[in-house]
All heavy atoms as atom14 arrays in JSON, in Angstrom:
{
  "sequence": "VSDLGTHEVTNQPGPRPAVDPWAADPVLRAHAAAAGGEDAPLAALG",
  "atom14_mask": [
    [1, 1, 1, 1, 1, 1, 1, 0, 0, 0, 0, 0, 0, 0],
    [1, 1, 1, 1, 1, 1, 0, 0, 0, 0, 0, 0, 0, 0],
    [1, 1, 1, 1, 1, 1, 1, 1, 0, 0, 0, 0, 0, 0],
    [1, 1, 1, 1, 1, 1, 1, 1, 0, 0, 0, 0, 0, 0],
    [1, 1, 1, 1, 0, 0, 0, 0, 0, 0, 0, 0, 0, 0],
    [1, 1, 1, 1, 1, 1, 1, 0, 0, 0, 0, 0, 0, 0],
    [1, 1, 1, 1, 1, 1, 1, 1, 1, 1, 0, 0, 0, 0],
    [1, 1, 1, 1, 1, 1, 1, 1, 1, 0, 0, 0, 0, 0],
    [1, 1, 1, 1, 1, 1, 1, 0, 0, 0, 0, 0, 0, 0],
    [1, 1, 1, 1, 1, 1, 1, 0, 0, 0, 0, 0, 0, 0],
    [1, 1, 1, 1, 1, 1, 1, 1, 0, 0, 0, 0, 0, 0],
    [1, 1, 1, 1, 1, 1, 1, 1, 1, 0, 0, 0, 0, 0],
    [1, 1, 1, 1, 1, 1, 1, 0, 0, 0, 0, 0, 0, 0],
    [1, 1, 1, 1, 0, 0, 0, 0, 0, 0, 0, 0, 0, 0],
    [1, 1, 1, 1, 1, 1, 1, 0, 0, 0, 0, 0, 0, 0],
    [1, 1, 1, 1, 1, 1, 1, 1, 1, 1, 1, 0, 0, 0],
    [1, 1, 1, 1, 1, 1, 1, 0, 0, 0, 0, 0, 0, 0],
    [1, 1, 1, 1, 1, 0, 0, 0, 0, 0, 0, 0, 0, 0],
    [1, 1, 1, 1, 1, 1, 1, 0, 0, 0, 0, 0, 0, 0],
    [1, 1, 1, 1, 1, 1, 1, 1, 0, 0, 0, 0, 0, 0],
    [1, 1, 1, 1, 1, 1, 1, 0, 0, 0, 0, 0, 0, 0],
    [1, 1, 1, 1, 1, 1, 1, 1, 1, 1, 1, 1, 1, 1],
    [1, 1, 1, 1, 1, 0, 0, 0, 0, 0, 0, 0, 0, 0],
    [1, 1, 1, 1, 1, 0, 0, 0, 0, 0, 0, 0, 0, 0],
    [1, 1, 1, 1, 1, 1, 1, 1, 0, 0, 0, 0, 0, 0],
    [1, 1, 1, 1, 1, 1, 1, 0, 0, 0, 0, 0, 0, 0],
    [1, 1, 1, 1, 1, 1, 1, 0, 0, 0, 0, 0, 0, 0],
    [1, 1, 1, 1, 1, 1, 1, 1, 0, 0, 0, 0, 0, 0],
    [1, 1, 1, 1, 1, 1, 1, 1, 1, 1, 1, 0, 0, 0],
    [1, 1, 1, 1, 1, 0, 0, 0, 0, 0, 0, 0, 0, 0],
    [1, 1, 1, 1, 1, 1, 1, 1, 1, 1, 0, 0, 0, 0],
    [1, 1, 1, 1, 1, 0, 0, 0, 0, 0, 0, 0, 0, 0],
    [1, 1, 1, 1, 1, 0, 0, 0, 0, 0, 0, 0, 0, 0],
    [1, 1, 1, 1, 1, 0, 0, 0, 0, 0, 0, 0, 0, 0],
    [1, 1, 1, 1, 1, 0, 0, 0, 0, 0, 0, 0, 0, 0],
    [1, 1, 1, 1, 0, 0, 0, 0, 0, 0, 0, 0, 0, 0],
    [1, 1, 1, 1, 0, 0, 0, 0, 0, 0, 0, 0, 0, 0],
    [1, 1, 1, 1, 1, 1, 1, 1, 1, 0, 0, 0, 0, 0],
    [1, 1, 1, 1, 1, 1, 1, 1, 0, 0, 0, 0, 0, 0],
    [1, 1, 1, 1, 1, 0, 0, 0, 0, 0, 0, 0, 0, 0],
    [1, 1, 1, 1, 1, 1, 1, 0, 0, 0, 0, 0, 0, 0],
    [1, 1, 1, 1, 1, 1, 1, 1, 0, 0, 0, 0, 0, 0],
    [1, 1, 1, 1, 1, 0, 0, 0, 0, 0, 0, 0, 0, 0],
    [1, 1, 1, 1, 1, 0, 0, 0, 0, 0, 0, 0, 0, 0],
    [1, 1, 1, 1, 1, 1, 1, 1, 0, 0, 0, 0, 0, 0],
    [1, 1, 1, 1, 0, 0, 0, 0, 0, 0, 0, 0, 0, 0]
  ],
  "atom14_positions": [
    [[146.9, -108.41, 111.61], [146.57, -107.38, 112.6], [147.85, -106.94, 113.31], [148.59, -107.75, 113.87], [145.56, -107.93, 113.63], [145.29, -106.9, 114.72], [144.27, -108.33, 112.92], [0.0, 0.0, 0.0], [0.0, 0.0, 0.0], [0.0, 0.0, 0.0], [0.0, 0.0, 0.0], [0.0, 0.0, 0.0], [0.0, 0.0, 0.0], [0.0, 0.0, 0.0]],
    [[148.12, -105.64, 113.28], [149.32, -105.1, 113.92], [149.06, -104.62, 115.35], [149.96, -104.62, 116.18], [149.88, -103.94, 113.09], [150.35, -104.42, 111.85], [0.0, 0.0, 0.0], [0.0, 0.0, 0.0], [0.0, 0.0, 0.0], [0.0, 0.0, 0.0], [0.0, 0.0, 0.0], [0.0, 0.0, 0.0], [0.0, 0.0, 0.0], [0.0, 0.0, 0.0]],
    [[147.82, -104.17, 115.63], [147.5, -103.68, 116.97], [147.07, -104.87, 117.81], [145.97, -105.41, 117.66], [146.38, -102.64, 116.88], [146.14, -101.96, 118.23], [146.69, -102.45, 119.25], [145.41, -100.96, 118.26], [0.0, 0.0, 0.0], [0.0, 0.0, 0.0], [0.0, 0.0, 0.0], [0.0, 0.0, 0.0], [0.0, 0.0, 0.0], [0.0, 0.0, 0.0]],
    [[147.94, -105.3, 118.7], [147.71, -106.53, 119.47], [147.25, -106.27, 120.9], [147.25, -107.18, 121.72], [149.0, -107.37, 119.49], [149.57, -107.73, 118.11], [150.8, -108.6, 118.26], [148.52, -108.42, 117.25], [0.0, 0.0, 0.0], [0.0, 0.0, 0.0], [0.0, 0.0, 0.0], [0.0, 0.0, 0.0], [0.0, 0.0, 0.0], [0.0, 0.0, 0.0]],
    [[146.84, -105.05, 121.19], [146.34, -104.74, 122.52], [147.45, -104.33, 123.46], [147.48, -103.2, 123.94], [0.0, 0.0, 0.0], [0.0, 0.0, 0.0], [0.0, 0.0, 0.0], [0.0, 0.0, 0.0], [0.0, 0.0, 0.0], [0.0, 0.0, 0.0], [0.0, 0.0, 0.0], [0.0, 0.0, 0.0], [0.0, 0.0, 0.0], [0.0, 0.0, 0.0]],
    [[148.37, -105.24, 123.73], [149.49, -104.9, 124.62], [150.54, -104.06, 123.9], [151.35, -103.39, 124.54], [150.17, -106.17, 125.16], [150.66, -106.94, 124.04], [149.2, -107.0, 125.97], [0.0, 0.0, 0.0], [0.0, 0.0, 0.0], [0.0, 0.0, 0.0], [0.0, 0.0, 0.0], [0.0, 0.0, 0.0], [0.0, 0.0, 0.0], [0.0, 0.0, 0.0]],
    [[150.57, -104.15, 122.57], [151.56, -103.4, 121.8], [151.13, -103.4, 120.35], [150.27, -104.18, 119.92], [152.95, -104.01, 121.94], [153.06, -105.38, 121.34], [152.56, -106.5, 121.94], [153.61, -105.8, 120.17], [152.78, -107.56, 121.19], [153.42, -107.16, 120.1], [0.0, 0.0, 0.0], [0.0, 0.0, 0.0], [0.0, 0.0, 0.0], [0.0, 0.0, 0.0]],
    [[151.74, -102.51, 119.62], [151.53, -102.46, 118.16], [152.82, -102.88, 117.46], [153.91, -102.46, 117.84], [151.15, -101.04, 117.72], [150.82, -100.96, 116.24], [150.36, -99.57, 115.82], [150.24, -98.69, 116.71], [150.13, -99.37, 114.62], [0.0, 0.0, 0.0], [0.0, 0.0, 0.0], [0.0, 0.0, 0.0], [0.0, 0.0, 0.0], [0.0, 0.0, 0.0]],
    [[152.67, -103.75, 116.47], [153.84, -104.24, 115.74], [154.3, -103.17, 114.76], [153.58, -102.8, 113.83], [153.52, -105.54, 114.97], [154.75, -106.02, 114.21], [153.04, -106.62, 115.93], [0.0, 0.0, 0.0], [0.0, 0.0, 0.0], [0.0, 0.0, 0.0], [0.0, 0.0, 0.0], [0.0, 0.0, 0.0], [0.0, 0.0, 0.0], [0.0, 0.0, 0.0]],
    [[155.48, -102.64, 115.01], [156.09, -101.65, 114.11], [157.55, -102.02, 113.89], [158.13, -102.81, 114.64], [156.02, -100.23, 114.7], [156.76, -100.21, 115.94], [154.58, -99.81, 114.97], [0.0, 0.0, 0.0], [0.0, 0.0, 0.0], [0.0, 0.0, 0.0], [0.0, 0.0, 0.0], [0.0, 0.0, 0.0], [0.0, 0.0, 0.0], [0.0, 0.0, 0.0]],
    [[158.12, -101.45, 112.87], [159.55, -101.61, 112.6], [159.95, -103.08, 112.45], [161.04, -103.49, 112.83], [160.39, -100.95, 113.72], [161.81, -100.63, 113.26], [162.08, -100.46, 112.08], [162.73, -100.57, 114.22], [0.0, 0.0, 0.0], [0.0, 0.0, 0.0], [0.0, 0.0, 0.0], [0.0, 0.0, 0.0], [0.0, 0.0, 0.0], [0.0, 0.0, 0.0]],
    [[159.03, -103.89, 111.92], [159.28, -105.3, 111.67], [158.94, -105.59, 110.22], [157.77, -105.75, 109.86], [158.42, -106.19, 112.59], [158.95, -106.35, 113.99], [160.06, -107.39, 114.05], [160.12, -108.29, 113.24], [160.94, -107.23, 115.03], [0.0, 0.0, 0.0], [0.0, 0.0, 0.0], [0.0, 0.0, 0.0], [0.0, 0.0, 0.0], [0.0, 0.0, 0.0]],
    [[159.91, -105.64, 109.32], [159.6, -105.95, 107.93], [158.91, -107.3, 107.81], [159.29, -108.27, 108.49], [160.98, -105.98, 107.25], [161.86, -105.18, 108.15], [161.35, -105.4, 109.53], [0.0, 0.0, 0.0], [0.0, 0.0, 0.0], [0.0, 0.0, 0.0], [0.0, 0.0, 0.0], [0.0, 0.0, 0.0], [0.0, 0.0, 0.0], [0.0, 0.0, 0.0]],
    [[157.89, -107.36, 106.98], [157.21, -108.62, 106.75], [158.02, -109.52, 105.84], [159.16, -109.21, 105.47], [0.0, 0.0, 0.0], [0.0, 0.0, 0.0], [0.0, 0.0, 0.0], [0.0, 0.0, 0.0], [0.0, 0.0, 0.0], [0.0, 0.0, 0.0], [0.0, 0.0, 0.0], [0.0, 0.0, 0.0], [0.0, 0.0, 0.0], [0.0, 0.0, 0.0]],
    [[157.45, -110.67, 105.45], [158.17, -111.57, 104.53], [158.52, -110.86, 103.23], [157.79, -109.98, 102.76], [157.16, -112.7, 104.29], [156.21, -112.63, 105.45], [156.12, -111.19, 105.82], [0.0, 0.0, 0.0], [0.0, 0.0, 0.0], [0.0, 0.0, 0.0], [0.0, 0.0, 0.0], [0.0, 0.0, 0.0], [0.0, 0.0, 0.0], [0.0, 0.0, 0.0]],
    [[159.63, -111.25, 102.67], [160.03, -110.67, 101.39], [159.01, -111.05, 100.32], [158.66, -112.22, 100.19], [161.42, -111.18, 101.02], [162.06, -110.45, 99.85], [163.57, -110.72, 99.83], [163.87, -112.13, 99.67], [164.08, -112.73, 98.49], [164.01, -112.03, 97.37], [164.37, -114.0, 98.43], [0.0, 0.0, 0.0], [0.0, 0.0, 0.0], [0.0, 0.0, 0.0]],
    [[158.51, -110.09, 99.55], [157.5, -110.42, 98.54], [158.07, -111.39, 97.5], [159.27, -111.4, 97.21], [157.2, -109.06, 97.88], [157.67, -108.04, 98.86], [158.82, -108.65, 99.6], [0.0, 0.0, 0.0], [0.0, 0.0, 0.0], [0.0, 0.0, 0.0], [0.0, 0.0, 0.0], [0.0, 0.0, 0.0], [0.0, 0.0, 0.0], [0.0, 0.0, 0.0]],
    [[157.18, -112.22, 96.96], [157.59, -113.15, 95.9], [158.03, -112.35, 94.68], [157.34, -111.43, 94.25], [156.45, -114.08, 95.55], [0.0, 0.0, 0.0], [0.0, 0.0, 0.0], [0.0, 0.0, 0.0], [0.0, 0.0, 0.0], [0.0, 0.0, 0.0], [0.0, 0.0, 0.0], [0.0, 0.0, 0.0], [0.0, 0.0, 0.0], [0.0, 0.0, 0.0]],
    [[159.19, -112.68, 94.16], [159.7, -112.0, 92.97], [160.17, -113.05, 91.98], [160.51, -114.18, 92.34], [160.87, -111.04, 93.31], [160.41, -109.94, 94.24], [162.04, -111.8, 93.92], [0.0, 0.0, 0.0], [0.0, 0.0, 0.0], [0.0, 0.0, 0.0], [0.0, 0.0, 0.0], [0.0, 0.0, 0.0], [0.0, 0.0, 0.0], [0.0, 0.0, 0.0]],
    [[160.19, -112.66, 90.74], [160.77, -113.48, 89.69], [162.29, -113.41, 89.86], [162.89, -112.35, 89.65], [160.34, -112.92, 88.33], [160.94, -113.66, 87.15], [162.01, -114.27, 87.3], [160.34, -113.62, 86.06], [0.0, 0.0, 0.0], [0.0, 0.0, 0.0], [0.0, 0.0, 0.0], [0.0, 0.0, 0.0], [0.0, 0.0, 0.0], [0.0, 0.0, 0.0]],
    [[162.94, -114.49, 90.26], [164.37, -114.41, 90.61], [165.28, -114.18, 89.4], [166.44, -113.79, 89.59], [164.66, -115.76, 91.26], [163.63, -116.67, 90.68], [162.4, -115.84, 90.46], [0.0, 0.0, 0.0], [0.0, 0.0, 0.0], [0.0, 0.0, 0.0], [0.0, 0.0, 0.0], [0.0, 0.0, 0.0], [0.0, 0.0, 0.0], [0.0, 0.0, 0.0]],
    [[164.79, -114.4, 88.21], [165.57, -114.08, 87.02], [165.42, -112.61, 86.67], [166.4, -111.88, 86.51], [165.14, -114.96, 85.85], [165.72, -114.59, 84.52], [165.08, -113.98, 83.48], [167.06, -114.81, 84.07], [165.92, -113.81, 82.42], [167.15, -114.31, 82.74], [168.2, -115.38, 84.64], [168.33, -114.37, 81.99], [169.37, -115.44, 83.89], [169.43, -114.94, 82.59]],
    [[164.17, -112.15, 86.61], [163.91, -110.75, 86.25], [164.48, -109.79, 87.29], [164.89, -108.67, 86.95], [162.41, -110.52, 86.08], [0.0, 0.0, 0.0], [0.0, 0.0, 0.0], [0.0, 0.0, 0.0], [0.0, 0.0, 0.0], [0.0, 0.0, 0.0], [0.0, 0.0, 0.0], [0.0, 0.0, 0.0], [0.0, 0.0, 0.0], [0.0, 0.0, 0.0]],
    [[164.51, -110.2, 88.56], [164.93, -109.31, 89.64], [166.43, -109.38, 89.92], [166.9, -108.78, 90.88], [164.16, -109.65, 90.92], [0.0, 0.0, 0.0], [0.0, 0.0, 0.0], [0.0, 0.0, 0.0], [0.0, 0.0, 0.0], [0.0, 0.0, 0.0], [0.0, 0.0, 0.0], [0.0, 0.0, 0.0], [0.0, 0.0, 0.0], [0.0, 0.0, 0.0]],
    [[167.19, -110.08, 89.1], [168.61, -110.26, 89.36], [169.42, -109.85, 88.12], [169.88, -110.69, 87.34], [168.9, -111.72, 89.71], [170.28, -111.94, 90.31], [171.15, -111.07, 90.11], [170.49, -112.97, 90.97], [0.0, 0.0, 0.0], [0.0, 0.0, 0.0], [0.0, 0.0, 0.0], [0.0, 0.0, 0.0], [0.0, 0.0, 0.0], [0.0, 0.0, 0.0]],
    [[169.61, -108.55, 87.92], [170.35, -108.11, 86.73], [171.8, -108.57, 86.71], [172.39, -108.71, 85.64], [170.26, -106.58, 86.8], [169.96, -106.26, 88.23], [169.14, -107.41, 88.73], [0.0, 0.0, 0.0], [0.0, 0.0, 0.0], [0.0, 0.0, 0.0], [0.0, 0.0, 0.0], [0.0, 0.0, 0.0], [0.0, 0.0, 0.0], [0.0, 0.0, 0.0]],
    [[172.38, -108.81, 87.87], [173.76, -109.29, 87.91], [173.84, -110.71, 87.34], [174.74, -111.04, 86.55], [174.32, -109.23, 89.34], [175.74, -109.77, 89.4], [174.29, -107.79, 89.86], [0.0, 0.0, 0.0], [0.0, 0.0, 0.0], [0.0, 0.0, 0.0], [0.0, 0.0, 0.0], [0.0, 0.0, 0.0], [0.0, 0.0, 0.0], [0.0, 0.0, 0.0]],
    [[172.89, -111.56, 87.72], [172.83, -112.9, 87.13], [172.63, -112.81, 85.62], [173.31, -113.5, 84.86], [171.69, -113.7, 87.76], [171.35, -115.03, 87.07], [172.53, -115.99, 87.1], [170.12, -115.67, 87.69], [0.0, 0.0, 0.0], [0.0, 0.0, 0.0], [0.0, 0.0, 0.0], [0.0, 0.0, 0.0], [0.0, 0.0, 0.0], [0.0, 0.0, 0.0]],
    [[171.71, -111.97, 85.2], [171.44, -111.87, 83.76], [172.7, -111.42, 83.0], [172.99, -111.93, 81.92], [170.28, -110.91, 83.5], [168.95, -111.38, 84.1], [167.76, -110.7, 83.43], [167.86, -109.26, 83.43], [167.47, -108.45, 84.41], [166.97, -108.97, 85.53], [167.59, -107.13, 84.32], [0.0, 0.0, 0.0], [0.0, 0.0, 0.0], [0.0, 0.0, 0.0]],
    [[173.45, -110.51, 83.59], [174.66, -110.02, 82.92], [175.72, -111.11, 82.81], [176.33, -111.31, 81.75], [175.21, -108.81, 83.67], [0.0, 0.0, 0.0], [0.0, 0.0, 0.0], [0.0, 0.0, 0.0], [0.0, 0.0, 0.0], [0.0, 0.0, 0.0], [0.0, 0.0, 0.0], [0.0, 0.0, 0.0], [0.0, 0.0, 0.0], [0.0, 0.0, 0.0]],
    [[175.96, -111.83, 83.89], [176.99, -112.86, 83.86], [176.54, -114.07, 83.02], [177.37, -114.71, 82.36], [177.37, -113.29, 85.27], [178.2, -112.27, 85.99], [179.46, -111.92, 85.59], [177.92, -111.49, 87.09], [179.96, -110.99, 86.4], [179.04, -110.72, 87.32], [0.0, 0.0, 0.0], [0.0, 0.0, 0.0], [0.0, 0.0, 0.0], [0.0, 0.0, 0.0]],
    [[175.25, -114.37, 83.05], [174.75, -115.45, 82.19], [174.92, -115.09, 80.72], [175.33, -115.92, 79.89], [173.29, -115.76, 82.51], [0.0, 0.0, 0.0], [0.0, 0.0, 0.0], [0.0, 0.0, 0.0], [0.0, 0.0, 0.0], [0.0, 0.0, 0.0], [0.0, 0.0, 0.0], [0.0, 0.0, 0.0], [0.0, 0.0, 0.0], [0.0, 0.0, 0.0]],
    [[174.62, -113.84, 80.38], [174.78, -113.4, 78.99], [176.25, -113.45, 78.58], [176.59, -113.88, 77.47], [174.22, -111.99, 78.83], [0.0, 0.0, 0.0], [0.0, 0.0, 0.0], [0.0, 0.0, 0.0], [0.0, 0.0, 0.0], [0.0, 0.0, 0.0], [0.0, 0.0, 0.0], [0.0, 0.0, 0.0], [0.0, 0.0, 0.0], [0.0, 0.0, 0.0]],
    [[177.15, -113.02, 79.47], [178.58, -113.05, 79.15], [179.06, -114.47, 78.92], [180.0, -114.7, 78.14], [179.37, -112.4, 80.29], [0.0, 0.0, 0.0], [0.0, 0.0, 0.0], [0.0, 0.0, 0.0], [0.0, 0.0, 0.0], [0.0, 0.0, 0.0], [0.0, 0.0, 0.0], [0.0, 0.0, 0.0], [0.0, 0.0, 0.0], [0.0, 0.0, 0.0]],
    [[178.43, -115.44, 79.59], [178.81, -116.85, 79.45], [178.11, -117.54, 78.29], [178.38, -118.72, 78.02], [178.52, -117.6, 80.74], [0.0, 0.0, 0.0], [0.0, 0.0, 0.0], [0.0, 0.0, 0.0], [0.0, 0.0, 0.0], [0.0, 0.0, 0.0], [0.0, 0.0, 0.0], [0.0, 0.0, 0.0], [0.0, 0.0, 0.0], [0.0, 0.0, 0.0]],
    [[177.2, -116.85, 77.63], [176.46, -117.45, 76.52], [175.2, -118.16, 76.93], [174.65, -118.97, 76.17], [0.0, 0.0, 0.0], [0.0, 0.0, 0.0], [0.0, 0.0, 0.0], [0.0, 0.0, 0.0], [0.0, 0.0, 0.0], [0.0, 0.0, 0.0], [0.0, 0.0, 0.0], [0.0, 0.0, 0.0], [0.0, 0.0, 0.0], [0.0, 0.0, 0.0]],
    [[174.68, -117.86, 78.13], [173.43, -118.46, 78.57], [172.25, -118.01, 77.72], [172.25, -116.9, 77.17], [0.0, 0.0, 0.0], [0.0, 0.0, 0.0], [0.0, 0.0, 0.0], [0.0, 0.0, 0.0], [0.0, 0.0, 0.0], [0.0, 0.0, 0.0], [0.0, 0.0, 0.0], [0.0, 0.0, 0.0], [0.0, 0.0, 0.0], [0.0, 0.0, 0.0]],
    [[171.25, -118.86, 77.65], [170.07, -118.6, 76.81], [168.99, -117.91, 77.64], [168.53, -118.45, 78.64], [169.53, -119.9, 76.25], [170.57, -120.71, 75.48], [170.32, -122.19, 75.58], [170.66, -122.79, 76.62], [169.78, -122.76, 74.61], [0.0, 0.0, 0.0], [0.0, 0.0, 0.0], [0.0, 0.0, 0.0], [0.0, 0.0, 0.0], [0.0, 0.0, 0.0]],
    [[168.55, -116.76, 77.19], [167.61, -115.96, 77.97], [166.24, -116.63, 78.09], [165.64, -116.64, 79.17], [167.46, -114.58, 77.33], [166.57, -113.66, 78.15], [167.05, -113.07, 79.12], [165.36, -113.57, 77.82], [0.0, 0.0, 0.0], [0.0, 0.0, 0.0], [0.0, 0.0, 0.0], [0.0, 0.0, 0.0], [0.0, 0.0, 0.0], [0.0, 0.0, 0.0]],
    [[165.71, -117.18, 77.01], [164.32, -117.65, 77.0], [164.04, -118.73, 78.05], [163.09, -118.6, 78.83], [163.93, -118.13, 75.6], [0.0, 0.0, 0.0], [0.0, 0.0, 0.0], [0.0, 0.0, 0.0], [0.0, 0.0, 0.0], [0.0, 0.0, 0.0], [0.0, 0.0, 0.0], [0.0, 0.0, 0.0], [0.0, 0.0, 0.0], [0.0, 0.0, 0.0]],
    [[164.81, -119.82, 78.11], [164.49, -120.83, 79.14], [164.7, -120.33, 80.56], [163.97, -120.75, 81.47], [165.44, -121.99, 78.8], [166.51, -121.4, 77.96], [165.89, -120.27, 77.23], [0.0, 0.0, 0.0], [0.0, 0.0, 0.0], [0.0, 0.0, 0.0], [0.0, 0.0, 0.0], [0.0, 0.0, 0.0], [0.0, 0.0, 0.0], [0.0, 0.0, 0.0]],
    [[165.65, -119.41, 80.76], [165.87, -118.88, 82.1], [164.74, -117.94, 82.5], [164.27, -117.97, 83.65], [167.22, -118.17, 82.16], [168.41, -119.12, 82.03], [169.69, -118.35, 81.75], [168.56, -119.97, 83.28], [0.0, 0.0, 0.0], [0.0, 0.0, 0.0], [0.0, 0.0, 0.0], [0.0, 0.0, 0.0], [0.0, 0.0, 0.0], [0.0, 0.0, 0.0]],
    [[164.28, -117.12, 81.58], [163.14, -116.25, 81.87], [161.9, -117.08, 82.15], [161.1, -116.76, 83.06], [162.89, -115.3, 80.69], [0.0, 0.0, 0.0], [0.0, 0.0, 0.0], [0.0, 0.0, 0.0], [0.0, 0.0, 0.0], [0.0, 0.0, 0.0], [0.0, 0.0, 0.0], [0.0, 0.0, 0.0], [0.0, 0.0, 0.0], [0.0, 0.0, 0.0]],
    [[161.71, -118.17, 81.41], [160.55, -119.03, 81.63], [160.61, -119.68, 83.01], [159.6, -119.77, 83.72], [160.48, -120.1, 80.54], [0.0, 0.0, 0.0], [0.0, 0.0, 0.0], [0.0, 0.0, 0.0], [0.0, 0.0, 0.0], [0.0, 0.0, 0.0], [0.0, 0.0, 0.0], [0.0, 0.0, 0.0], [0.0, 0.0, 0.0], [0.0, 0.0, 0.0]],
    [[161.8, -120.14, 83.43], [161.93, -120.74, 84.76], [161.66, -119.7, 85.84], [160.97, -120.0, 86.83], [163.32, -121.34, 84.93], [163.62, -121.93, 86.32], [162.61, -123.0, 86.7], [165.05, -122.47, 86.37], [0.0, 0.0, 0.0], [0.0, 0.0, 0.0], [0.0, 0.0, 0.0], [0.0, 0.0, 0.0], [0.0, 0.0, 0.0], [0.0, 0.0, 0.0]],
    [[162.18, -118.49, 85.68], [161.9, -117.45, 86.67], [160.42, -117.2, 86.83], [159.91, -117.08, 87.96], [0.0, 0.0, 0.0], [0.0, 0.0, 0.0], [0.0, 0.0, 0.0], [0.0, 0.0, 0.0], [0.0, 0.0, 0.0], [0.0, 0.0, 0.0], [0.0, 0.0, 0.0], [0.0, 0.0, 0.0], [0.0, 0.0, 0.0], [0.0, 0.0, 0.0]]
  ]
}
């Protein structure tokens, strides 16, 4: 509930949504690939 009677909650970002940290991090994927990292186990962990 944002309308709290005395005030309304605005301009306050909520918690960051849950994301797959492997899929959402192309920089990690690029550097892991350059180092010879294996995509499948990392994608599974994400």
